[in-house]
Every structure is written in C-alpha cells, then in structure tokens.
Amino acid sequence: MRWFVGVGLDKGIVLGVDVGTSSVKVLFIGVDGEILHRAEVKHATKSLELGWAEQAATDYLTGLRKISEENQELIRRVVAVGLSGHTPSVVCVDEEGVAVRPVLTWQDNRSTVEAELLEEHFAN
C-alpha cells in the first residue's frame, strides 16, 4: 500500500545523521533501502587535563554544512531525516542557542568523585 501517492517519494532520500565522538557521519538512503552515498567529516577532542574530553559544538555544525554543500543534489531529494548522537554529552548554550563553553563529551571524567558521592547518598 502506498501511503504518499503523488508526493514524489519514489525519488526521495532518507538522510541518516550521526554526530559521533570522532566525526559527523551521514548516509543517504533511497526509500527502497539502498545506500546511495556515505560522507564523514572528522572533528577533534581536546583533553587539557587527564580525564577531560571536550569538543567545539561549532565543529558539529561545520561538519554538517560541509557535507550539505558537497552533496547538494542529494540534499535536495531528502524527504526524511534520522538523527543520532553521542550521549550523555553536555552542550551549554545561552538564550540565543550559542554554545557558551566546549561540549563535555561522555568521555569526560572530571565529575567522577561527585557522581560517586551522589550514588552513595541516593542509593537504595
């Protein structure tokens, strides 16, 4: 059964986006399930001290922009987007949505002592 008769999905593309720990990766997938193209833009993790893991939030957007610009013909055909990302990572933003500090990724361990104290205090 066709759900979207007449809306041009036969030529549509589903875009899968993964904002991962080491890169932004995308898959362009035809509505029939065929993988049409893969793209990836790497980004850096900074560790200023042992146990720290920070990234620039703007690197995620820069990666997506680069992939979009390099794949404009495919982007024009996108009818749906699936998104995944590394968690739990923290992006602190101001009222306008601008990152106010580097992203603390899931690899950052600087709050281990506090986490253990909270776990001990609130454990059943």
PDB file of N, CA and C in Angstrom:
ATOM      1  N   MET A   1       0.838  -1.186   0.000  1.00  0.00           N
ATOM      2  CA  MET A   1       0.000   0.000   0.000  1.00  0.00           C
ATOM      3  C   MET A   1       0.880   1.246   0.000  1.00  0.00           C
ATOM      4  N   ARG A   2       0.621   2.142  -0.902  1.00  0.00           N
ATOM      5  CA  ARG A   2       1.380   3.400  -0.965  1.00  0.00           C
ATOM      6  C   ARG A   2       0.687   4.435  -0.105  1.00  0.00           C
ATOM      7  N   TRP A   3       1.420   4.994   0.815  1.00  0.00           N
ATOM      8  CA  TRP A   3       0.863   5.973   1.750  1.00  0.00           C
ATOM      9  C   TRP A   3       0.900   7.390   1.203  1.00  0.00           C
ATOM     10  N   PHE A   4       1.885   7.696   0.386  1.00  0.00           N
ATOM     11  CA  PHE A   4       2.096   9.073  -0.054  1.00  0.00           C
ATOM     12  C   PHE A   4       2.003   9.164  -1.573  1.00  0.00           C
ATOM     13  N   VAL A   5       0.916   8.732  -2.130  1.00  0.00           N
ATOM     14  CA  VAL A   5       0.730   8.740  -3.573  1.00  0.00           C
ATOM     15  C   VAL A   5       0.838  10.173  -4.094  1.00  0.00           C
ATOM     16  N   GLY A   6       1.704  10.351  -5.094  1.00  0.00           N
ATOM     17  CA  GLY A   6       1.814  11.637  -5.745  1.00  0.00           C
ATOM     18  C   GLY A   6       2.773  12.628  -5.117  1.00  0.00           C
ATOM     19  N   VAL A   7       3.469  12.265  -4.047  1.00  0.00           N
ATOM     20  CA  VAL A   7       4.366  13.250  -3.430  1.00  0.00           C
ATOM     21  C   VAL A   7       5.820  13.056  -3.827  1.00  0.00           C
ATOM     22  N   GLY A   8       6.096  12.154  -4.746  1.00  0.00           N
ATOM     23  CA  GLY A   8       7.446  12.025  -5.274  1.00  0.00           C
ATOM     24  C   GLY A   8       8.414  11.258  -4.396  1.00  0.00           C
ATOM     25  N   LEU A   9       7.925  10.419  -3.512  1.00  0.00           N
ATOM     26  CA  LEU A   9       8.827   9.661  -2.648  1.00  0.00           C
ATOM     27  C   LEU A   9       9.652   8.633  -3.413  1.00  0.00           C
ATOM     28  N   ASP A  10       9.196   8.230  -4.585  1.00  0.00           N
ATOM     29  CA  ASP A  10       9.955   7.241  -5.339  1.00  0.00           C
ATOM     30  C   ASP A  10      11.379   7.705  -5.600  1.00  0.00           C
ATOM     31  N   LYS A  11      11.591   9.003  -5.693  1.00  0.00           N
ATOM     32  CA  LYS A  11      12.921   9.556  -5.924  1.00  0.00           C
ATOM     33  C   LYS A  11      13.503  10.164  -4.660  1.00  0.00           C
ATOM     34  N   GLY A  12      12.780  10.009  -3.543  1.00  0.00           N
ATOM     35  CA  GLY A  12      13.202  10.616  -2.290  1.00  0.00           C
ATOM     36  C   GLY A  12      14.349   9.878  -1.621  1.00  0.00           C
ATOM     37  N   ILE A  13      14.969  10.578  -0.706  1.00  0.00           N
ATOM     38  CA  ILE A  13      16.108  10.052   0.040  1.00  0.00           C
ATOM     39  C   ILE A  13      15.870  10.272   1.525  1.00  0.00           C
ATOM     40  N   VAL A  14      16.222   9.281   2.312  1.00  0.00           N
ATOM     41  CA  VAL A  14      16.238   9.409   3.758  1.00  0.00           C
ATOM     42  C   VAL A  14      17.683   9.717   4.151  1.00  0.00           C
ATOM     43  N   LEU A  15      17.853  10.731   4.976  1.00  0.00           N
ATOM     44  CA  LEU A  15      19.184  11.128   5.418  1.00  0.00           C
ATOM     45  C   LEU A  15      19.377  10.660   6.851  1.00  0.00           C
ATOM     46  N   GLY A  16      20.379   9.833   7.071  1.00  0.00           N
ATOM     47  CA  GLY A  16      20.748   9.403   8.412  1.00  0.00           C
ATOM     48  C   GLY A  16      21.959  10.192   8.862  1.00  0.00           C
ATOM     49  N   VAL A  17      21.862  10.860  10.022  1.00  0.00           N
ATOM     50  CA  VAL A  17      22.941  11.694  10.540  1.00  0.00           C
ATOM     51  C   VAL A  17      23.371  11.162  11.900  1.00  0.00           C
ATOM     52  N   ASP A  18      24.669  10.962  12.068  1.00  0.00           N
ATOM     53  CA  ASP A  18      25.225  10.555  13.358  1.00  0.00           C
ATOM     54  C   ASP A  18      26.290  11.559  13.761  1.00  0.00           C
ATOM     55  N   VAL A  19      26.022  12.298  14.840  1.00  0.00           N
ATOM     56  CA  VAL A  19      27.033  13.187  15.408  1.00  0.00           C
ATOM     57  C   VAL A  19      27.753  12.353  16.455  1.00  0.00           C
ATOM     58  N   GLY A  20      28.889  11.814  16.062  1.00  0.00           N
ATOM     59  CA  GLY A  20      29.610  10.890  16.916  1.00  0.00           C
ATOM     60  C   GLY A  20      30.777  11.525  17.638  1.00  0.00           C
ATOM     61  N   THR A  21      31.447  10.718  18.409  1.00  0.00           N
ATOM     62  CA  THR A  21      32.570  11.185  19.211  1.00  0.00           C
ATOM     63  C   THR A  21      33.729  11.678  18.349  1.00  0.00           C
ATOM     64  N   SER A  22      33.933  11.064  17.199  1.00  0.00           N
ATOM     65  CA  SER A  22      35.089  11.432  16.384  1.00  0.00           C
ATOM     66  C   SER A  22      34.732  12.135  15.083  1.00  0.00           C
ATOM     67  N   SER A  23      33.445  12.108  14.695  1.00  0.00           N
ATOM     68  CA  SER A  23      33.075  12.704  13.413  1.00  0.00           C
ATOM     69  C   SER A  23      31.565  12.854  13.290  1.00  0.00           C
ATOM     70  N   VAL A  24      31.180  13.621  12.263  1.00  0.00           N
ATOM     71  CA  VAL A  24      29.789  13.671  11.815  1.00  0.00           C
ATOM     72  C   VAL A  24      29.730  12.755  10.602  1.00  0.00           C
ATOM     73  N   LYS A  25      28.838  11.772  10.661  1.00  0.00           N
ATOM     74  CA  LYS A  25      28.699  10.816   9.566  1.00  0.00           C
ATOM     75  C   LYS A  25      27.265  10.870   9.039  1.00  0.00           C
ATOM     76  N   VAL A  26      27.107  10.723   7.739  1.00  0.00           N
ATOM     77  CA  VAL A  26      25.768  10.675   7.161  1.00  0.00           C
ATOM     78  C   VAL A  26      25.666   9.532   6.163  1.00  0.00           C
ATOM     79  N   LEU A  27      24.453   9.037   6.038  1.00  0.00           N
ATOM     80  CA  LEU A  27      24.097   8.079   4.998  1.00  0.00           C
ATOM     81  C   LEU A  27      22.938   8.663   4.210  1.00  0.00           C
ATOM     82  N   PHE A  28      23.039   8.620   2.913  1.00  0.00           N
ATOM     83  CA  PHE A  28      21.931   8.964   2.040  1.00  0.00           C
ATOM     84  C   PHE A  28      21.339   7.639   1.583  1.00  0.00           C
ATOM     85  N   ILE A  29      20.082   7.382   1.946  1.00  0.00           N
ATOM     86  CA  ILE A  29      19.463   6.088   1.690  1.00  0.00           C
ATOM     87  C   ILE A  29      18.213   6.293   0.851  1.00  0.00           C
ATOM     88  N   GLY A  30      18.127   5.559  -0.256  1.00  0.00           N
ATOM     89  CA  GLY A  30      16.925   5.617  -1.081  1.00  0.00           C
ATOM     90  C   GLY A  30      15.750   5.049  -0.306  1.00  0.00           C
ATOM     91  N   VAL A  31      14.532   5.451  -0.667  1.00  0.00           N
ATOM     92  CA  VAL A  31      13.353   4.950   0.042  1.00  0.00           C
ATOM     93  C   VAL A  31      13.188   3.442  -0.128  1.00  0.00           C
ATOM     94  N   ASP A  32      13.915   2.855  -1.075  1.00  0.00           N
ATOM     95  CA  ASP A  32      13.899   1.401  -1.240  1.00  0.00           C
ATOM     96  C   ASP A  32      14.925   0.721  -0.334  1.00  0.00           C
ATOM     97  N   GLY A  33      15.689   1.506   0.439  1.00  0.00           N
ATOM     98  CA  GLY A  33      16.664   0.947   1.372  1.00  0.00           C
ATOM     99  C   GLY A  33      18.083   0.904   0.845  1.00  0.00           C
ATOM    100  N   GLU A  34      18.290   1.261  -0.411  1.00  0.00           N
ATOM    101  CA  GLU A  34      19.640   1.232  -0.985  1.00  0.00           C
ATOM    102  C   GLU A  34      20.474   2.398  -0.451  1.00  0.00           C
ATOM    103  N   ILE A  35      21.699   2.097   0.010  1.00  0.00           N
ATOM    104  CA  ILE A  35      22.611   3.146   0.443  1.00  0.00           C
ATOM    105  C   ILE A  35      23.201   3.793  -0.803  1.00  0.00           C
ATOM    106  N   LEU A  36      22.922   5.073  -0.971  1.00  0.00           N
ATOM    107  CA  LEU A  36      23.351   5.801  -2.160  1.00  0.00           C
ATOM    108  C   LEU A  36      24.704   6.476  -1.984  1.00  0.00           C
ATOM    109  N   HIS A  37      24.980   6.941  -0.770  1.00  0.00           N
ATOM    110  CA  HIS A  37      26.228   7.663  -0.545  1.00  0.00           C
ATOM    111  C   HIS A  37      26.499   7.749   0.954  1.00  0.00           C
ATOM    112  N   ARG A  38      27.780   7.719   1.307  1.00  0.00           N
ATOM    113  CA  ARG A  38      28.223   7.925   2.679  1.00  0.00           C
ATOM    114  C   ARG A  38      29.160   9.128   2.698  1.00  0.00           C
ATOM    115  N   ALA A  39      29.108   9.890   3.785  1.00  0.00           N
ATOM    116  CA  ALA A  39      30.016  11.023   3.923  1.00  0.00           C
ATOM    117  C   ALA A  39      30.387  11.173   5.393  1.00  0.00           C
ATOM    118  N   GLU A  40      31.579  11.721   5.630  1.00  0.00           N
ATOM    119  CA  GLU A  40      32.060  11.872   7.006  1.00  0.00           C
ATOM    120  C   GLU A  40      32.992  13.076   7.097  1.00  0.00           C
ATOM    121  N   VAL A  41      32.864  13.821   8.183  1.00  0.00           N
ATOM    122  CA  VAL A  41      33.776  14.919   8.485  1.00  0.00           C
ATOM    123  C   VAL A  41      34.253  14.720   9.920  1.00  0.00           C
ATOM    124  N   LYS A  42      35.552  14.588  10.085  1.00  0.00           N
ATOM    125  CA  LYS A  42      36.153  14.370  11.411  1.00  0.00           C
ATOM    126  C   LYS A  42      36.147  15.649  12.231  1.00  0.00           C
ATOM    127  N   HIS A  43      36.103  15.495  13.569  1.00  0.00           N
ATOM    128  CA  HIS A  43      36.300  16.624  14.466  1.00  0.00           C
ATOM    129  C   HIS A  43      37.167  16.182  15.648  1.00  0.00           C
ATOM    130  N   ALA A  44      37.789  17.143  16.290  1.00  0.00           N
ATOM    131  CA  ALA A  44      38.784  16.865  17.322  1.00  0.00           C
ATOM    132  C   ALA A  44      38.171  16.838  18.716  1.00  0.00           C
ATOM    133  N   THR A  45      38.806  16.063  19.582  1.00  0.00           N
ATOM    134  CA  THR A  45      38.524  16.076  21.012  1.00  0.00           C
ATOM    135  C   THR A  45      39.761  16.607  21.701  1.00  0.00           C
ATOM    136  N   LYS A  46      39.556  17.573  22.610  1.00  0.00           N
ATOM    137  CA  LYS A  46      40.681  18.140  23.349  1.00  0.00           C
ATOM    138  C   LYS A  46      40.646  17.624  24.780  1.00  0.00           C
ATOM    139  N   SER A  47      41.809  17.273  25.284  1.00  0.00           N
ATOM    140  CA  SER A  47      41.957  16.833  26.667  1.00  0.00           C
ATOM    141  C   SER A  47      43.012  17.712  27.319  1.00  0.00           C
ATOM    142  N   LEU A  48      42.580  18.814  27.915  1.00  0.00           N
ATOM    143  CA  LEU A  48      43.513  19.754  28.520  1.00  0.00           C
ATOM    144  C   LEU A  48      44.117  19.202  29.807  1.00  0.00           C
ATOM    145  N   GLU A  49      43.388  18.296  30.450  1.00  0.00           N
ATOM    146  CA  GLU A  49      43.879  17.620  31.641  1.00  0.00           C
ATOM    147  C   GLU A  49      43.449  16.171  31.576  1.00  0.00           C
ATOM    148  N   LEU A  50      44.109  15.325  32.352  1.00  0.00           N
ATOM    149  CA  LEU A  50      43.769  13.897  32.392  1.00  0.00           C
ATOM    150  C   LEU A  50      42.305  13.724  32.788  1.00  0.00           C
ATOM    151  N   GLY A  51      41.559  12.954  32.021  1.00  0.00           N
ATOM    152  CA  GLY A  51      40.157  12.696  32.307  1.00  0.00           C
ATOM    153  C   GLY A  51      39.192  13.682  31.683  1.00  0.00           C
ATOM    154  N   TRP A  52      39.697  14.731  31.039  1.00  0.00           N
ATOM    155  CA  TRP A  52      38.835  15.697  30.381  1.00  0.00           C
ATOM    156  C   TRP A  52      38.647  15.301  28.917  1.00  0.00           C
ATOM    157  N   ALA A  53      37.486  15.591  28.374  1.00  0.00           N
ATOM    158  CA  ALA A  53      37.219  15.344  26.957  1.00  0.00           C
ATOM    159  C   ALA A  53      36.226  16.400  26.479  1.00  0.00           C
ATOM    160  N   GLU A  54      36.713  17.363  25.710  1.00  0.00           N
ATOM    161  CA  GLU A  54      35.898  18.482  25.243  1.00  0.00           C
ATOM    162  C   GLU A  54      35.958  18.598  23.725  1.00  0.00           C
ATOM    163  N   GLN A  55      34.852  19.102  23.169  1.00  0.00           N
ATOM    164  CA  GLN A  55      34.781  19.368  21.737  1.00  0.00           C
ATOM    165  C   GLN A  55      34.117  20.716  21.511  1.00  0.00           C
ATOM    166  N   ALA A  56      34.351  21.291  20.359  1.00  0.00           N
ATOM    167  CA  ALA A  56      33.696  22.546  19.971  1.00  0.00           C
ATOM    168  C   ALA A  56      32.353  22.208  19.323  1.00  0.00           C
ATOM    169  N   ALA A  57      31.270  22.740  19.881  1.00  0.00           N
ATOM    170  CA  ALA A  57      29.935  22.482  19.332  1.00  0.00           C
ATOM    171  C   ALA A  57      29.839  22.958  17.883  1.00  0.00           C
ATOM    172  N   THR A  58      30.552  24.013  17.555  1.00  0.00           N
ATOM    173  CA  THR A  58      30.504  24.526  16.180  1.00  0.00           C
ATOM    174  C   THR A  58      31.090  23.529  15.179  1.00  0.00           C
ATOM    175  N   ASP A  59      31.955  22.625  15.644  1.00  0.00           N
ATOM    176  CA  ASP A  59      32.500  21.603  14.745  1.00  0.00           C
ATOM    177  C   ASP A  59      31.397  20.699  14.202  1.00  0.00           C
ATOM    178  N   TYR A  60      30.375  20.422  15.004  1.00  0.00           N
ATOM    179  CA  TYR A  60      29.273  19.571  14.550  1.00  0.00           C
ATOM    180  C   TYR A  60      28.529  20.249  13.404  1.00  0.00           C
ATOM    181  N   LEU A  61      28.225  21.527  13.579  1.00  0.00           N
ATOM    182  CA  LEU A  61      27.511  22.271  12.538  1.00  0.00           C
ATOM    183  C   LEU A  61      28.373  22.481  11.299  1.00  0.00           C
ATOM    184  N   THR A  62      29.668  22.733  11.512  1.00  0.00           N
ATOM    185  CA  THR A  62      30.588  22.895  10.389  1.00  0.00           C
ATOM    186  C   THR A  62      30.646  21.613   9.562  1.00  0.00           C
ATOM    187  N   GLY A  63      30.687  20.466  10.231  1.00  0.00           N
ATOM    188  CA  GLY A  63      30.696  19.185   9.536  1.00  0.00           C
ATOM    189  C   GLY A  63      29.435  18.969   8.724  1.00  0.00           C
ATOM    190  N   LEU A  64      28.285  19.253   9.323  1.00  0.00           N
ATOM    191  CA  LEU A  64      27.017  19.112   8.599  1.00  0.00           C
ATOM    192  C   LEU A  64      26.935  20.058   7.409  1.00  0.00           C
ATOM    193  N   ARG A  65      27.412  21.279   7.596  1.00  0.00           N
ATOM    194  CA  ARG A  65      27.399  22.262   6.499  1.00  0.00           C
ATOM    195  C   ARG A  65      28.279  21.781   5.344  1.00  0.00           C
ATOM    196  N   LYS A  66      29.467  21.283   5.665  1.00  0.00           N
ATOM    197  CA  LYS A  66      30.392  20.798   4.629  1.00  0.00           C
ATOM    198  C   LYS A  66      29.767  19.640   3.844  1.00  0.00           C
ATOM    199  N   ILE A  67      29.182  18.698   4.558  1.00  0.00           N
ATOM    200  CA  ILE A  67      28.542  17.557   3.894  1.00  0.00           C
ATOM    201  C   ILE A  67      27.394  18.039   3.019  1.00  0.00           C
ATOM    202  N   SER A  68      26.594  18.981   3.521  1.00  0.00           N
ATOM    203  CA  SER A  68      25.463  19.506   2.741  1.00  0.00           C
ATOM    204  C   SER A  68      25.929  20.195   1.478  1.00  0.00           C
ATOM    205  N   GLU A  69      26.968  21.024   1.606  1.00  0.00           N
ATOM    206  CA  GLU A  69      27.479  21.753   0.447  1.00  0.00           C
ATOM    207  C   GLU A  69      28.072  20.812  -0.598  1.00  0.00           C
ATOM    208  N   GLU A  70      28.721  19.754  -0.164  1.00  0.00           N
ATOM    209  CA  GLU A  70      29.356  18.816  -1.094  1.00  0.00           C
ATOM    210  C   GLU A  70      28.374  17.823  -1.711  1.00  0.00           C
ATOM    211  N   ASN A  71      27.154  17.777  -1.199  1.00  0.00           N
ATOM    212  CA  ASN A  71      26.164  16.799  -1.668  1.00  0.00           C
ATOM    213  C   ASN A  71      24.813  17.461  -1.941  1.00  0.00           C
ATOM    214  N   GLN A  72      24.833  18.632  -2.563  1.00  0.00           N
ATOM    215  CA  GLN A  72      23.614  19.410  -2.768  1.00  0.00           C
ATOM    216  C   GLN A  72      22.544  18.674  -3.563  1.00  0.00           C
ATOM    217  N   GLU A  73      22.942  17.935  -4.565  1.00  0.00           N
ATOM    218  CA  GLU A  73      21.949  17.214  -5.378  1.00  0.00           C
ATOM    219  C   GLU A  73      21.204  16.181  -4.541  1.00  0.00           C
ATOM    220  N   LEU A  74      21.918  15.490  -3.660  1.00  0.00           N
ATOM    221  CA  LEU A  74      21.265  14.511  -2.787  1.00  0.00           C
ATOM    222  C   LEU A  74      20.426  15.209  -1.719  1.00  0.00           C
ATOM    223  N   ILE A  75      20.936  16.281  -1.151  1.00  0.00           N
ATOM    224  CA  ILE A  75      20.221  17.022  -0.111  1.00  0.00           C
ATOM    225  C   ILE A  75      18.863  17.497  -0.628  1.00  0.00           C
ATOM    226  N   ARG A  76      18.795  17.927  -1.867  1.00  0.00           N
ATOM    227  CA  ARG A  76      17.536  18.415  -2.445  1.00  0.00           C
ATOM    228  C   ARG A  76      16.454  17.337  -2.467  1.00  0.00           C
ATOM    229  N   ARG A  77      16.873  16.073  -2.458  1.00  0.00           N
ATOM    230  CA  ARG A  77      15.926  14.960  -2.552  1.00  0.00           C
ATOM    231  C   ARG A  77      15.536  14.391  -1.193  1.00  0.00           C
ATOM    232  N   VAL A  78      16.070  14.942  -0.111  1.00  0.00           N
ATOM    233  CA  VAL A  78      15.795  14.401   1.226  1.00  0.00           C
ATOM    234  C   VAL A  78      14.338  14.646   1.615  1.00  0.00           C
ATOM    235  N   VAL A  79      13.659  13.557   2.022  1.00  0.00           N
ATOM    236  CA  VAL A  79      12.260  13.639   2.454  1.00  0.00           C
ATOM    237  C   VAL A  79      12.104  13.331   3.943  1.00  0.00           C
ATOM    238  N   ALA A  80      13.156  12.783   4.556  1.00  0.00           N
ATOM    239  CA  ALA A  80      13.103  12.468   5.987  1.00  0.00           C
ATOM    240  C   ALA A  80      14.529  12.433   6.533  1.00  0.00           C
ATOM    241  N   VAL A  81      14.665  12.753   7.823  1.00  0.00           N
ATOM    242  CA  VAL A  81      15.974  12.767   8.473  1.00  0.00           C
ATOM    243  C   VAL A  81      15.903  11.972   9.763  1.00  0.00           C
ATOM    244  N   GLY A  82      16.890  11.103   9.963  1.00  0.00           N
ATOM    245  CA  GLY A  82      17.050  10.398  11.231  1.00  0.00           C
ATOM    246  C   GLY A  82      18.330  10.894  11.872  1.00  0.00           C
ATOM    247  N   LEU A  83      18.302  11.139  13.176  1.00  0.00           N
ATOM    248  CA  LEU A  83      19.439  11.735  13.857  1.00  0.00           C
ATOM    249  C   LEU A  83      19.817  10.912  15.074  1.00  0.00           C
ATOM    250  N   SER A  84      21.120  10.703  15.247  1.00  0.00           N
ATOM    251  CA  SER A  84      21.628  10.092  16.471  1.00  0.00           C
ATOM    252  C   SER A  84      22.887  10.841  16.879  1.00  0.00           C
ATOM    253  N   GLY A  85      23.255  10.700  18.131  1.00  0.00           N
ATOM    254  CA  GLY A  85      24.439  11.400  18.604  1.00  0.00           C
ATOM    255  C   GLY A  85      25.001  10.743  19.845  1.00  0.00           C
ATOM    256  N   HIS A  86      26.220  11.130  20.172  1.00  0.00           N
ATOM    257  CA  HIS A  86      26.851  10.552  21.354  1.00  0.00           C
ATOM    258  C   HIS A  86      26.232  11.156  22.602  1.00  0.00           C
ATOM    259  N   THR A  87      25.910  10.308  23.537  1.00  0.00           N
ATOM    260  CA  THR A  87      25.301  10.757  24.788  1.00  0.00           C
ATOM    261  C   THR A  87      25.903   9.970  25.938  1.00  0.00           C
ATOM    262  N   PRO A  88      25.866  10.422  27.154  1.00  0.00           N
ATOM    263  CA  PRO A  88      25.403  11.747  27.540  1.00  0.00           C
ATOM    264  C   PRO A  88      26.515  12.773  27.405  1.00  0.00           C
ATOM    265  N   SER A  89      26.340  13.685  26.519  1.00  0.00           N
ATOM    266  CA  SER A  89      27.263  14.797  26.350  1.00  0.00           C
ATOM    267  C   SER A  89      26.495  16.076  26.629  1.00  0.00           C
ATOM    268  N   VAL A  90      27.180  17.094  27.102  1.00  0.00           N
ATOM    269  CA  VAL A  90      26.509  18.320  27.529  1.00  0.00           C
ATOM    270  C   VAL A  90      26.951  19.487  26.655  1.00  0.00           C
ATOM    271  N   VAL A  91      25.963  20.135  26.006  1.00  0.00           N
ATOM    272  CA  VAL A  91      26.210  21.347  25.248  1.00  0.00           C
ATOM    273  C   VAL A  91      25.492  22.481  25.990  1.00  0.00           C
ATOM    274  N   CYS A  92      26.245  23.367  26.604  1.00  0.00           N
ATOM    275  CA  CYS A  92      25.674  24.507  27.335  1.00  0.00           C
ATOM    276  C   CYS A  92      25.535  25.676  26.377  1.00  0.00           C
ATOM    277  N   VAL A  93      24.312  26.220  26.284  1.00  0.00           N
ATOM    278  CA  VAL A  93      24.051  27.320  25.354  1.00  0.00           C
ATOM    279  C   VAL A  93      23.422  28.503  26.081  1.00  0.00           C
ATOM    280  N   ASP A  94      23.523  29.675  25.456  1.00  0.00           N
ATOM    281  CA  ASP A  94      22.874  30.865  26.002  1.00  0.00           C
ATOM    282  C   ASP A  94      21.452  30.967  25.457  1.00  0.00           C
ATOM    283  N   GLU A  95      20.794  32.093  25.749  1.00  0.00           N
ATOM    284  CA  GLU A  95      19.407  32.268  25.321  1.00  0.00           C
ATOM    285  C   GLU A  95      19.219  32.233  23.817  1.00  0.00           C
ATOM    286  N   GLU A  96      20.269  32.500  23.085  1.00  0.00           N
ATOM    287  CA  GLU A  96      20.183  32.502  21.622  1.00  0.00           C
ATOM    288  C   GLU A  96      20.638  31.180  21.008  1.00  0.00           C
ATOM    289  N   GLY A  97      20.953  30.201  21.836  1.00  0.00           N
ATOM    290  CA  GLY A  97      21.361  28.897  21.341  1.00  0.00           C
ATOM    291  C   GLY A  97      22.825  28.798  20.977  1.00  0.00           C
ATOM    292  N   VAL A  98      23.632  29.755  21.387  1.00  0.00           N
ATOM    293  CA  VAL A  98      25.065  29.758  21.092  1.00  0.00           C
ATOM    294  C   VAL A  98      25.805  29.056  22.232  1.00  0.00           C
ATOM    295  N   ALA A  99      26.672  28.139  21.878  1.00  0.00           N
ATOM    296  CA  ALA A  99      27.441  27.414  22.899  1.00  0.00           C
ATOM    297  C   ALA A  99      28.297  28.374  23.709  1.00  0.00           C
ATOM    298  N   VAL A 100      28.240  28.245  25.022  1.00  0.00           N
ATOM    299  CA  VAL A 100      28.982  29.147  25.895  1.00  0.00           C
ATOM    300  C   VAL A 100      30.290  28.544  26.405  1.00  0.00           C
ATOM    301  N   ARG A 101      30.510  27.288  26.115  1.00  0.00           N
ATOM    302  CA  ARG A 101      31.742  26.623  26.512  1.00  0.00           C
ATOM    303  C   ARG A 101      31.895  25.364  25.657  1.00  0.00           C
ATOM    304  N   PRO A 102      33.037  24.733  25.700  1.00  0.00           N
ATOM    305  CA  PRO A 102      33.185  23.485  24.949  1.00  0.00           C
ATOM    306  C   PRO A 102      32.192  22.413  25.427  1.00  0.00           C
ATOM    307  N   VAL A 103      31.871  21.494  24.546  1.00  0.00           N
ATOM    308  CA  VAL A 103      30.990  20.374  24.867  1.00  0.00           C
ATOM    309  C   VAL A 103      31.745  19.411  25.782  1.00  0.00           C
ATOM    310  N   LEU A 104      31.112  19.007  26.862  1.00  0.00           N
ATOM    311  CA  LEU A 104      31.676  17.949  27.704  1.00  0.00           C
ATOM    312  C   LEU A 104      31.137  16.633  27.165  1.00  0.00           C
ATOM    313  N   THR A 105      32.000  15.821  26.570  1.00  0.00           N
ATOM    314  CA  THR A 105      31.529  14.577  25.968  1.00  0.00           C
ATOM    315  C   THR A 105      31.379  13.497  27.028  1.00  0.00           C
ATOM    316  N   TRP A 106      30.778  12.403  26.618  1.00  0.00           N
ATOM    317  CA  TRP A 106      30.556  11.269  27.513  1.00  0.00           C
ATOM    318  C   TRP A 106      31.880  10.703  28.027  1.00  0.00           C
ATOM    319  N   GLN A 107      32.980  11.028  27.368  1.00  0.00           N
ATOM    320  CA  GLN A 107      34.291  10.515  27.781  1.00  0.00           C
ATOM    321  C   GLN A 107      34.912  11.332  28.916  1.00  0.00           C
ATOM    322  N   ASP A 108      34.307  12.471  29.245  1.00  0.00           N
ATOM    323  CA  ASP A 108      34.844  13.365  30.263  1.00  0.00           C
ATOM    324  C   ASP A 108      34.577  12.768  31.650  1.00  0.00           C
ATOM    325  N   ASN A 109      35.622  12.652  32.444  1.00  0.00           N
ATOM    326  CA  ASN A 109      35.512  12.011  33.759  1.00  0.00           C
ATOM    327  C   ASN A 109      35.772  12.951  34.919  1.00  0.00           C
ATOM    328  N   ARG A 110      35.748  14.232  34.706  1.00  0.00           N
ATOM    329  CA  ARG A 110      36.124  15.146  35.794  1.00  0.00           C
ATOM    330  C   ARG A 110      35.137  15.157  36.951  1.00  0.00           C
ATOM    331  N   SER A 111      33.920  14.674  36.774  1.00  0.00           N
ATOM    332  CA  SER A 111      32.945  14.670  37.879  1.00  0.00           C
ATOM    333  C   SER A 111      32.764  13.293  38.511  1.00  0.00           C
ATOM    334  N   THR A 112      33.733  12.417  38.335  1.00  0.00           N
ATOM    335  CA  THR A 112      33.625  11.059  38.863  1.00  0.00           C
ATOM    336  C   THR A 112      33.433  11.050  40.377  1.00  0.00           C
ATOM    337  N   VAL A 113      34.198  11.841  41.104  1.00  0.00           N
ATOM    338  CA  VAL A 113      34.087  11.869  42.564  1.00  0.00           C
ATOM    339  C   VAL A 113      32.686  12.311  42.980  1.00  0.00           C
ATOM    340  N   GLU A 114      32.178  13.387  42.367  1.00  0.00           N
ATOM    341  CA  GLU A 114      30.847  13.876  42.700  1.00  0.00           C
ATOM    342  C   GLU A 114      29.782  12.846  42.351  1.00  0.00           C
ATOM    343  N   ALA A 115      29.921  12.175  41.227  1.00  0.00           N
ATOM    344  CA  ALA A 115      28.962  11.147  40.823  1.00  0.00           C
ATOM    345  C   ALA A 115      28.944  10.005  41.825  1.00  0.00           C
ATOM    346  N   GLU A 116      30.100   9.596  42.293  1.00  0.00           N
ATOM    347  CA  GLU A 116      30.168   8.517  43.294  1.00  0.00           C
ATOM    348  C   GLU A 116      29.521   8.945  44.604  1.00  0.00           C
ATOM    349  N   LEU A 117      29.721  10.199  45.027  1.00  0.00           N
ATOM    350  CA  LEU A 117      29.089  10.706  46.249  1.00  0.00           C
ATOM    351  C   LEU A 117      27.563  10.732  46.112  1.00  0.00           C
ATOM    352  N   LEU A 118      27.069  11.175  44.971  1.00  0.00           N
ATOM    353  CA  LEU A 118      25.624  11.201  44.736  1.00  0.00           C
ATOM    354  C   LEU A 118      25.052   9.791  44.722  1.00  0.00           C
ATOM    355  N   GLU A 119      25.751   8.885  44.064  1.00  0.00           N
ATOM    356  CA  GLU A 119      25.286   7.499  44.021  1.00  0.00           C
ATOM    357  C   GLU A 119      25.216   6.907  45.431  1.00  0.00           C
ATOM    358  N   GLU A 120      26.230   7.153  46.221  1.00  0.00           N
ATOM    359  CA  GLU A 120      26.258   6.657  47.599  1.00  0.00           C
ATOM    360  C   GLU A 120      25.118   7.266  48.429  1.00  0.00           C
ATOM    361  N   HIS A 121      24.884   8.547  48.264  1.00  0.00           N
ATOM    362  CA  HIS A 121      23.857   9.247  49.038  1.00  0.00           C
ATOM    363  C   HIS A 121      22.429   8.794  48.660  1.00  0.00           C
ATOM    364  N   PHE A 122      22.190   8.577  47.336  1.00  0.00           N
ATOM    365  CA  PHE A 122      20.842   8.279  46.885  1.00  0.00           C
ATOM    366  C   PHE A 122      20.597   6.796  46.598  1.00  0.00           C
ATOM    367  N   ALA A 123      21.586   5.936  46.844  1.00  0.00           N
ATOM    368  CA  ALA A 123      21.412   4.506  46.586  1.00  0.00           C
ATOM    369  C   ALA A 123      20.351   3.935  47.529  1.00  0.00           C
ATOM    370  N   ASN A 124      19.641   2.936  47.070  1.00  0.00           N
ATOM    371  CA  ASN A 124      18.584   2.310  47.909  1.00  0.00           C
ATOM    372  C   ASN A 124      19.199   1.502  48.996  1.00  0.00           C
TER     373      ASN A 124
END
